[in-house]
Structure formats: C-alpha cells, structure tokens
C-alpha cells in the first residue's frame, strides 16, 4: 500500500476579538444556516467540497450515522450560496466547556478563487463565537479551533491565519494514499 506524508496543523482563536473578517465578496453571495438536519444534503456538501482533497472519513457513514451526528445539540451547518447555488459550507461542532470546533470548511471546486472562502470562514467563526446564543444549553464559547492539513487547498492555511487563527500544534504522519473521485466518479478532474 502506498503512503503519503501528511502534515496536520491545529489552529485556534481564544477570544472573539481574534477574528479578522474578510471583505464580503461582490455579487449575490449569501450564507444560510441549514436548520433542518438533512443527511442527504450534508453528504452532498461533504463529498462535493472534499472529493478532490481526499476527505474520506465520512464517506462510509450510514444514513443513521449522519442523522445521529446532525441531531447533536449545537452541530450547525452554514452554507454559502452564489446566486442560489451551494458554493461551500462550514460545519460547527461544540465540545465540552465552551470549545467549538470548525469540523469542516471549504468550497466546491468551481467556486474556489472567487473570494467566497474568506467571507464564509469569517461568518462561520462568528457563528462559532455566538453558538450558545442559539443553543442555551451550551456554555458560552471560550475557544474556537480547527485543523487543516497538507492535503487541503493551497490557500487554506493563509486564509486561517488572515482570519486571526494561531497555530498551536503540528503533527506529521504517514497515511495510506486514497484516491477520491470527487462527489462521484468522473465529476472533477484529479
């Protein structure tokens, strides 16, 4: 089995004042919370955004696993739309003691390079900071964190740093090389 070296960086913000928002892109770009848990829609976003950058951990999830995850209090999916078409998403997941993780963030390949990503990340981070306002059973957010890796898009780390995230951990590991065809075979050229 072929392996690849993958570097994973963990980044954090520890106060809402850390967030440095990106400019709002021109045009009809909207960000909307997907309030009705939908395994079909969430899997579509996951496969469409992560297909060309080797997101594989959720590909084998059953419908029940998707439902269980999406039904957890505080798990939120915020979707960017460009003229009514889904362009990307950010998924928030609360942990104990006021920690919120940005579990997934990214754009569908056709929407990359249009300045939507910085805006979507800024919006998602702001929603992570005010998550407890929508979920009163949660503790107020005291930390927002995420991880990115060398398999992610070439501008991912720069976007996180420009939004005010700080690096707190780096790991280098060997992983099996896995081919991901995009949302379906032949959908996106490798």
C-alpha atoms as a PDB file:
ATOM      1  CA  UNK A   1       0.000   0.000   0.000  1.00  0.00           C
ATOM      2  CA  UNK A   2       1.317   3.436  -0.936  1.00  0.00           C
ATOM      3  CA  UNK A   3       1.530   6.022   1.839  1.00  0.00           C
ATOM      4  CA  UNK A   4       1.897   9.774   1.797  1.00  0.00           C
ATOM      5  CA  UNK A   5       3.331  12.156   4.361  1.00  0.00           C
ATOM      6  CA  UNK A   6       0.628  14.425   5.762  1.00  0.00           C
ATOM      7  CA  UNK A   7       1.259  17.434   7.971  1.00  0.00           C
ATOM      8  CA  UNK A   8      -1.670  18.499  10.161  1.00  0.00           C
ATOM      9  CA  UNK A   9      -1.765  21.929  11.750  1.00  0.00           C
ATOM     10  CA  UNK A  10      -4.151  22.812  14.599  1.00  0.00           C
ATOM     11  CA  UNK A  11      -5.132  26.457  14.968  1.00  0.00           C
ATOM     12  CA  UNK A  12      -7.223  28.384  17.470  1.00  0.00           C
ATOM     13  CA  UNK A  13      -8.823  31.629  18.500  1.00  0.00           C
ATOM     14  CA  UNK A  14      -9.325  32.303  22.216  1.00  0.00           C
ATOM     15  CA  UNK A  15     -11.447  35.450  22.089  1.00  0.00           C
ATOM     16  CA  UNK A  16     -13.963  36.874  19.611  1.00  0.00           C
ATOM     17  CA  UNK A  17     -11.589  39.828  19.180  1.00  0.00           C
ATOM     18  CA  UNK A  18      -9.141  37.454  17.434  1.00  0.00           C
ATOM     19  CA  UNK A  19     -11.425  37.271  14.381  1.00  0.00           C
ATOM     20  CA  UNK A  20     -10.266  39.422  11.477  1.00  0.00           C
ATOM     21  CA  UNK A  21     -13.155  39.297   8.992  1.00  0.00           C
ATOM     22  CA  UNK A  22     -12.611  39.129   5.255  1.00  0.00           C
ATOM     23  CA  UNK A  23     -14.316  41.523   2.907  1.00  0.00           C
ATOM     24  CA  UNK A  24     -17.716  40.485   1.638  1.00  0.00           C
ATOM     25  CA  UNK A  25     -17.428  39.333  -1.986  1.00  0.00           C
ATOM     26  CA  UNK A  26     -19.279  41.189  -4.706  1.00  0.00           C
ATOM     27  CA  UNK A  27     -22.387  39.689  -6.209  1.00  0.00           C
ATOM     28  CA  UNK A  28     -25.217  37.659  -4.783  1.00  0.00           C
ATOM     29  CA  UNK A  29     -23.382  35.571  -2.165  1.00  0.00           C
ATOM     30  CA  UNK A  30     -25.454  34.574   0.860  1.00  0.00           C
ATOM     31  CA  UNK A  31     -24.709  32.409   3.864  1.00  0.00           C
ATOM     32  CA  UNK A  32     -27.623  30.495   5.347  1.00  0.00           C
ATOM     33  CA  UNK A  33     -27.858  28.026   8.197  1.00  0.00           C
ATOM     34  CA  UNK A  34     -29.151  24.629   7.155  1.00  0.00           C
ATOM     35  CA  UNK A  35     -31.610  24.370  10.047  1.00  0.00           C
ATOM     36  CA  UNK A  36     -33.301  21.105   9.089  1.00  0.00           C
ATOM     37  CA  UNK A  37     -30.841  18.234   9.611  1.00  0.00           C
ATOM     38  CA  UNK A  38     -30.531  16.501   6.243  1.00  0.00           C
ATOM     39  CA  UNK A  39     -28.100  13.593   5.841  1.00  0.00           C
ATOM     40  CA  UNK A  40     -28.524  13.788   2.063  1.00  0.00           C
ATOM     41  CA  UNK A  41     -27.612  17.473   1.873  1.00  0.00           C
ATOM     42  CA  UNK A  42     -24.761  17.186   4.375  1.00  0.00           C
ATOM     43  CA  UNK A  43     -23.273  14.233   2.490  1.00  0.00           C
ATOM     44  CA  UNK A  44     -23.609  16.170  -0.773  1.00  0.00           C
ATOM     45  CA  UNK A  45     -21.673  19.100   0.721  1.00  0.00           C
ATOM     46  CA  UNK A  46     -19.034  16.830   2.250  1.00  0.00           C
ATOM     47  CA  UNK A  47     -18.424  14.870  -0.958  1.00  0.00           C
ATOM     48  CA  UNK A  48     -18.606  17.910  -3.243  1.00  0.00           C
ATOM     49  CA  UNK A  49     -16.189  20.040  -1.208  1.00  0.00           C
ATOM     50  CA  UNK A  50     -13.814  17.296  -0.119  1.00  0.00           C
ATOM     51  CA  UNK A  51     -13.795  14.940  -3.075  1.00  0.00           C
ATOM     52  CA  UNK A  52     -10.708  16.360  -4.732  1.00  0.00           C
ATOM     53  CA  UNK A  53      -8.778  16.899  -1.481  1.00  0.00           C
ATOM     54  CA  UNK A  54      -9.185  13.397  -0.081  1.00  0.00           C
ATOM     55  CA  UNK A  55     -11.875  13.805   2.547  1.00  0.00           C
ATOM     56  CA  UNK A  56     -12.720  10.173   3.215  1.00  0.00           C
ATOM     57  CA  UNK A  57     -13.568   9.727   6.903  1.00  0.00           C
ATOM     58  CA  UNK A  58     -17.324  10.193   6.429  1.00  0.00           C
ATOM     59  CA  UNK A  59     -17.767   8.511   3.054  1.00  0.00           C
ATOM     60  CA  UNK A  60     -18.682   5.233   4.720  1.00  0.00           C
ATOM     61  CA  UNK A  61     -21.185   6.727   7.153  1.00  0.00           C
ATOM     62  CA  UNK A  62     -24.673   5.265   7.098  1.00  0.00           C
ATOM     63  CA  UNK A  63     -27.804   7.365   6.982  1.00  0.00           C
ATOM     64  CA  UNK A  64     -28.262   6.667  10.702  1.00  0.00           C
ATOM     65  CA  UNK A  65     -24.735   7.901  11.486  1.00  0.00           C
ATOM     66  CA  UNK A  66     -25.313  11.132   9.556  1.00  0.00           C
ATOM     67  CA  UNK A  67     -28.653  11.636  11.328  1.00  0.00           C
ATOM     68  CA  UNK A  68     -27.173  10.985  14.770  1.00  0.00           C
ATOM     69  CA  UNK A  69     -24.358  13.448  14.143  1.00  0.00           C
ATOM     70  CA  UNK A  70     -26.564  16.211  12.711  1.00  0.00           C
ATOM     71  CA  UNK A  71     -29.093  15.859  15.551  1.00  0.00           C
ATOM     72  CA  UNK A  72     -26.482  16.630  18.227  1.00  0.00           C
ATOM     73  CA  UNK A  73     -27.291  19.898  20.029  1.00  0.00           C
ATOM     74  CA  UNK A  74     -25.145  22.706  18.673  1.00  0.00           C
ATOM     75  CA  UNK A  75     -23.969  20.993  15.483  1.00  0.00           C
ATOM     76  CA  UNK A  76     -24.605  23.556  12.766  1.00  0.00           C
ATOM     77  CA  UNK A  77     -24.042  23.693   9.026  1.00  0.00           C
ATOM     78  CA  UNK A  78     -23.743  27.119   7.392  1.00  0.00           C
ATOM     79  CA  UNK A  79     -23.899  27.092   3.599  1.00  0.00           C
ATOM     80  CA  UNK A  80     -22.616  29.755   1.200  1.00  0.00           C
ATOM     81  CA  UNK A  81     -24.751  30.225  -1.905  1.00  0.00           C
ATOM     82  CA  UNK A  82     -23.617  32.033  -5.037  1.00  0.00           C
ATOM     83  CA  UNK A  83     -26.710  33.176  -6.944  1.00  0.00           C
ATOM     84  CA  UNK A  84     -28.738  30.382  -5.353  1.00  0.00           C
ATOM     85  CA  UNK A  85     -26.234  27.562  -5.935  1.00  0.00           C
ATOM     86  CA  UNK A  86     -24.435  25.914  -2.987  1.00  0.00           C
ATOM     87  CA  UNK A  87     -20.805  27.049  -3.127  1.00  0.00           C
ATOM     88  CA  UNK A  88     -19.386  25.670   0.123  1.00  0.00           C
ATOM     89  CA  UNK A  89     -20.007  25.191   3.807  1.00  0.00           C
ATOM     90  CA  UNK A  90     -18.700  25.377   7.330  1.00  0.00           C
ATOM     91  CA  UNK A  91     -19.718  22.844   9.985  1.00  0.00           C
ATOM     92  CA  UNK A  92     -19.556  23.707  13.685  1.00  0.00           C
ATOM     93  CA  UNK A  93     -19.426  21.151  16.474  1.00  0.00           C
ATOM     94  CA  UNK A  94     -19.449  22.086  20.159  1.00  0.00           C
ATOM     95  CA  UNK A  95     -17.309  20.227  22.672  1.00  0.00           C
ATOM     96  CA  UNK A  96     -17.255  20.400  26.465  1.00  0.00           C
ATOM     97  CA  UNK A  97     -16.536  23.599  28.364  1.00  0.00           C
ATOM     98  CA  UNK A  98     -17.284  26.156  25.657  1.00  0.00           C
ATOM     99  CA  UNK A  99     -14.980  24.813  22.954  1.00  0.00           C
ATOM    100  CA  UNK A 100     -16.306  24.884  19.387  1.00  0.00           C
ATOM    101  CA  UNK A 101     -14.566  23.071  16.560  1.00  0.00           C
ATOM    102  CA  UNK A 102     -14.846  24.023  12.924  1.00  0.00           C
ATOM    103  CA  UNK A 103     -15.003  20.415  11.806  1.00  0.00           C
ATOM    104  CA  UNK A 104     -15.310  21.046   8.073  1.00  0.00           C
ATOM    105  CA  UNK A 105     -14.900  24.129   5.943  1.00  0.00           C
ATOM    106  CA  UNK A 106     -14.409  24.517   2.226  1.00  0.00           C
ATOM    107  CA  UNK A 107     -15.722  25.375  -1.181  1.00  0.00           C
ATOM    108  CA  UNK A 108     -16.891  23.260  -4.080  1.00  0.00           C
ATOM    109  CA  UNK A 109     -14.044  23.408  -6.651  1.00  0.00           C
ATOM    110  CA  UNK A 110     -15.960  25.545  -9.173  1.00  0.00           C
ATOM    111  CA  UNK A 111     -16.345  28.302  -6.544  1.00  0.00           C
ATOM    112  CA  UNK A 112     -12.748  28.492  -5.351  1.00  0.00           C
ATOM    113  CA  UNK A 113     -10.781  31.625  -6.141  1.00  0.00           C
ATOM    114  CA  UNK A 114     -13.812  33.941  -6.057  1.00  0.00           C
ATOM    115  CA  UNK A 115     -13.181  35.429  -2.565  1.00  0.00           C
ATOM    116  CA  UNK A 116     -16.085  33.445  -1.124  1.00  0.00           C
ATOM    117  CA  UNK A 117     -13.887  31.351   1.191  1.00  0.00           C
ATOM    118  CA  UNK A 118     -12.602  34.176   3.379  1.00  0.00           C
ATOM    119  CA  UNK A 119     -16.125  35.531   3.785  1.00  0.00           C
ATOM    120  CA  UNK A 120     -17.578  32.099   4.584  1.00  0.00           C
ATOM    121  CA  UNK A 121     -14.829  31.373   7.114  1.00  0.00           C
ATOM    122  CA  UNK A 122     -15.317  34.782   8.769  1.00  0.00           C
ATOM    123  CA  UNK A 123     -19.045  34.207   9.014  1.00  0.00           C
ATOM    124  CA  UNK A 124     -18.614  30.659  10.339  1.00  0.00           C
ATOM    125  CA  UNK A 125     -16.129  31.746  13.004  1.00  0.00           C
ATOM    126  CA  UNK A 126     -18.512  34.499  14.140  1.00  0.00           C
ATOM    127  CA  UNK A 127     -21.280  31.874  14.411  1.00  0.00           C
ATOM    128  CA  UNK A 128     -18.953  29.644  16.452  1.00  0.00           C
ATOM    129  CA  UNK A 129     -18.409  32.510  18.880  1.00  0.00           C
ATOM    130  CA  UNK A 130     -22.164  33.127  19.308  1.00  0.00           C
ATOM    131  CA  UNK A 131     -23.225  29.443  19.193  1.00  0.00           C
ATOM    132  CA  UNK A 132     -24.541  29.424  22.792  1.00  0.00           C
ATOM    133  CA  UNK A 133     -26.969  32.223  21.922  1.00  0.00           C
ATOM    134  CA  UNK A 134     -28.774  29.773  19.614  1.00  0.00           C
ATOM    135  CA  UNK A 135     -28.253  26.767  21.916  1.00  0.00           C
ATOM    136  CA  UNK A 136     -28.889  27.952  25.513  1.00  0.00           C
ATOM    137  CA  UNK A 137     -27.928  24.560  26.998  1.00  0.00           C
ATOM    138  CA  UNK A 138     -24.348  25.111  25.778  1.00  0.00           C
ATOM    139  CA  UNK A 139     -21.738  27.046  27.693  1.00  0.00           C
ATOM    140  CA  UNK A 140     -20.609  30.319  26.107  1.00  0.00           C
ATOM    141  CA  UNK A 141     -17.819  29.813  23.597  1.00  0.00           C
ATOM    142  CA  UNK A 142     -14.355  30.463  25.034  1.00  0.00           C
ATOM    143  CA  UNK A 143     -12.289  28.886  22.257  1.00  0.00           C
ATOM    144  CA  UNK A 144     -12.742  28.133  18.532  1.00  0.00           C
ATOM    145  CA  UNK A 145     -10.350  25.730  16.883  1.00  0.00           C
ATOM    146  CA  UNK A 146      -9.821  23.795  13.670  1.00  0.00           C
ATOM    147  CA  UNK A 147      -7.231  21.765  11.894  1.00  0.00           C
ATOM    148  CA  UNK A 148      -6.004  21.820   8.328  1.00  0.00           C
ATOM    149  CA  UNK A 149      -3.508  19.613   6.584  1.00  0.00           C
ATOM    150  CA  UNK A 150      -1.147  19.443   3.658  1.00  0.00           C
ATOM    151  CA  UNK A 151      -3.880  17.729   1.600  1.00  0.00           C
ATOM    152  CA  UNK A 152      -6.154  20.787   1.841  1.00  0.00           C
ATOM    153  CA  UNK A 153      -6.301  23.575  -0.699  1.00  0.00           C
ATOM    154  CA  UNK A 154      -3.181  25.647  -1.265  1.00  0.00           C
ATOM    155  CA  UNK A 155      -4.757  28.800   0.229  1.00  0.00           C
ATOM    156  CA  UNK A 156      -6.349  27.181   3.303  1.00  0.00           C
ATOM    157  CA  UNK A 157      -3.614  27.925   5.856  1.00  0.00           C
ATOM    158  CA  UNK A 158      -3.207  31.511   4.648  1.00  0.00           C
ATOM    159  CA  UNK A 159      -6.973  32.065   4.956  1.00  0.00           C
ATOM    160  CA  UNK A 160      -6.984  30.754   8.549  1.00  0.00           C
ATOM    161  CA  UNK A 161      -4.040  32.936   9.547  1.00  0.00           C
ATOM    162  CA  UNK A 162      -5.571  36.028   7.906  1.00  0.00           C
ATOM    163  CA  UNK A 163      -8.792  35.422   9.868  1.00  0.00           C
ATOM    164  CA  UNK A 164      -6.816  35.580  13.143  1.00  0.00           C
ATOM    165  CA  UNK A 165      -6.187  31.918  13.953  1.00  0.00           C
ATOM    166  CA  UNK A 166      -2.932  30.993  15.707  1.00  0.00           C
ATOM    167  CA  UNK A 167      -1.044  27.737  15.334  1.00  0.00           C
ATOM    168  CA  UNK A 168      -0.899  25.599  18.481  1.00  0.00           C
ATOM    169  CA  UNK A 169       0.121  22.132  17.248  1.00  0.00           C
ATOM    170  CA  UNK A 170       1.740  20.410  14.266  1.00  0.00           C
ATOM    171  CA  UNK A 171       1.836  16.675  13.541  1.00  0.00           C
ATOM    172  CA  UNK A 172       3.461  14.781  10.685  1.00  0.00           C
ATOM    173  CA  UNK A 173       2.181  11.279   9.937  1.00  0.00           C
ATOM    174  CA  UNK A 174       2.178   8.692   7.194  1.00  0.00           C
ATOM    175  CA  UNK A 175      -1.285   7.937   5.809  1.00  0.00           C
ATOM    176  CA  UNK A 176      -2.444   5.467   3.188  1.00  0.00           C
ATOM    177  CA  UNK A 177      -2.890   7.132  -0.182  1.00  0.00           C
ATOM    178  CA  UNK A 178      -6.592   7.087  -1.021  1.00  0.00           C
ATOM    179  CA  UNK A 179      -7.971   8.147  -4.376  1.00  0.00           C
ATOM    180  CA  UNK A 180     -11.173  10.148  -4.117  1.00  0.00           C
ATOM    181  CA  UNK A 181     -13.029  10.750  -7.356  1.00  0.00           C
ATOM    182  CA  UNK A 182     -14.936  13.849  -6.255  1.00  0.00           C
ATOM    183  CA  UNK A 183     -18.623  13.669  -5.434  1.00  0.00           C
ATOM    184  CA  UNK A 184     -18.973  10.834  -7.976  1.00  0.00           C
ATOM    185  CA  UNK A 185     -16.567   9.105 -10.386  1.00  0.00           C
ATOM    186  CA  UNK A 186     -15.525  11.470 -13.141  1.00  0.00           C
ATOM    187  CA  UNK A 187     -17.073  14.558 -11.530  1.00  0.00           C
ATOM    188  CA  UNK A 188     -13.889  16.504 -11.000  1.00  0.00           C
ATOM    189  CA  UNK A 189     -10.566  16.017 -12.771  1.00  0.00           C
ATOM    190  CA  UNK A 190      -7.764  14.879 -10.496  1.00  0.00           C
END
